[in-house]
Amino acid sequence: MFAAISFLFFTALVAVLSYFMTRDENLETQDGYFLGGRSLKGVVIGGSLMLTNLSTEQLVGMNGAGYRESMVYMTWELIASFGLMFLALVLLPKYLKSGLTTIPEFLEERYDKSTRQMITILFMCAYVILYLPTILYSGSLVLTGLFHVPELLGVSQFTALTITVWAIGIVGSIYAIFGGLKAVAVSDTLNGVGLLIGGLSIPFFGLHKLGNGNMSAGLTTLLTQHTEKLNSIGGAHDAIPFSTIFTGAMFISLFYWTTNQAIVQRTFAAKNLAEGQKGVLFAGALKCLGPFFLVIPGIMAFHLYPNLENGDMAYPTLIGDVLPTALTGFMGAVLFGAILSSFNSILNSTVTMFCINIYRPSFNPEISDKDLVALGKKMGTWVAVVSMLIAPFIMYAPAGLFNFLMETWGYFNMPIVAIVLVGFFTKTISAKGAKIATVFHLVFYGSYKFGGWPIHWLHILGLSFPIIILIMALVSKFSPRETPYEQKYTGQVDLTEWKYARHATAGILLVIVCLYVVFSKAVLAS
């Protein structure tokens, strides 16, 4: 009973604070609803970036992968910092210079209207069919385990998952549909504080359990038994070979952190470039904490429960076992907030792209901002319902939650990041080249997925990226853009750079190198 009361209290507290902090916002204009009035400061941007990314699909999926494999999965957290640094120093000034609301909006300016619509459809398919259902499924997996929903309601695991999915989806939809981006970003930041506290506390409770009440003994067990699990430098036959950092993994990071609408939309809402850079690099620094609560708890679970049939149950099993009863409600609320954060952020971005990139330019160019926002709320409702219908069936995915998510993203990410980067750094690459290259990737990656090629999927993506660019260049040689592209400054945002941006970047790079050295055969995994 106490756990349920504390869960409801902390969940309601975030909702009430988010309401009072955003109640005076004008949500009837395009910028007010979709970009928070372009008023977000660094700490809010950083917190929202973290919480948009950090949710139960990572807590469950990466810890499950750590349970099955090793510390090699920390690569996804550390390489994220590279993407964030590239965003802060290179792409964010360009995005803010154009005063963008969406990535596809830039693609129409740089290529043409049909390129904008093609990439919008790719994004929306990825979000509605893959990302939103995965967030809902992983969230329901944690909450059903934490609160023992199947036993409490006397229903099957699938039914419990379905009930929890709809509960999460309905509450998350209320934030995203009726609160706009700023309510999403503020709730993200508040939940982010709780998630960092709660997430970082789990390893401590896990060590206490691993040492039978003695944290020092638990740490000794972790560092001296199955030390191969502490190795982050993957070999050729590991899940993430170290070499893939410089091929597919790097390009995935660039896609996710620099061109993924759900992520960069927070930075588009920055008050100015300096605040945007502060927020992005703050998120990059926080990413260096990721291995300690996204992979290590899974390795602790391996020591404690070596015979789990489903590795994705490692994190739910661990927190259900080690967390004191008094903190169960708080942790449940924190996790619920993390789930809502990712869900409502992706939902808000999906609606933004539909309204700005498809409906207004193609069906009703004269629609008022007020009517567009109303349409967005209706569209958000339909997207949420479809995602909730799909989500429970992910439990039947054969390869583990995180691998399923990352490999399926491969259909969408390479053409998007290649087209955006080429668009900014060339002047004559044409829309025809972008479209042909996109079709090539879909066929190429699909052939790999269904053809059983003996090559790691990250190397396939690393190979696809330069081929996409080569195809774009070759096609454009015979069919170039009619006039060279010149980016225009809209004057909506001050582009003065944060004076410590490069110092912060150097510090983050140093931490990343140190973490790879520590989690290697030279130190802990010896």
Foldseek 3Di string as FASTA:
>chain_A
DLLQVLLVVLLVVLVVVLCVVQVPFDCLFLCCFQQVVLADFQLLLQLLLQLLPDALLLLLFLLLVLLVAALLSLLLLQLLLVLLLCQLPPVLLQLLQQLDQALLVVVCQLFNLVLSVVLLVLLLCCLLQPVLLLLLQSLLLLLCLLVVQCVVVVHDPLVSSLVSSVVLLVVLLCQQLVPGDSSLSSSSSVLSVLCVVLLLVLVQLLCCVCQVNDNVSSVVCLLPPPLLRLANQAPPPGLDHNVLSVFQSNLLSNQVQRRNGLSCSNLSSHQFSARSLSNSLSNSLVSLCCSSRRNVQSNSLCSVPVDDPRSSCSSSVSCSPRPDPNCSSSSSSSNSSSSSSNNSSSLNSSLSSCLPSPCCVPPNVPDGSNVSSVVSSVVSVVSSVSSSVNNSVCVPPDPTSVVVNVLVCQLNRQLRSLSSVCSVPWWKQHPVLSVVLNVVSNVQSVCCVPVVDPHNSSNSSRVSNVVSVVSSVVVCVVVIDPGTDDRHRPPPHHHDHNPCSVVSSVVSVVSSVVSNCCSHVNHSSD
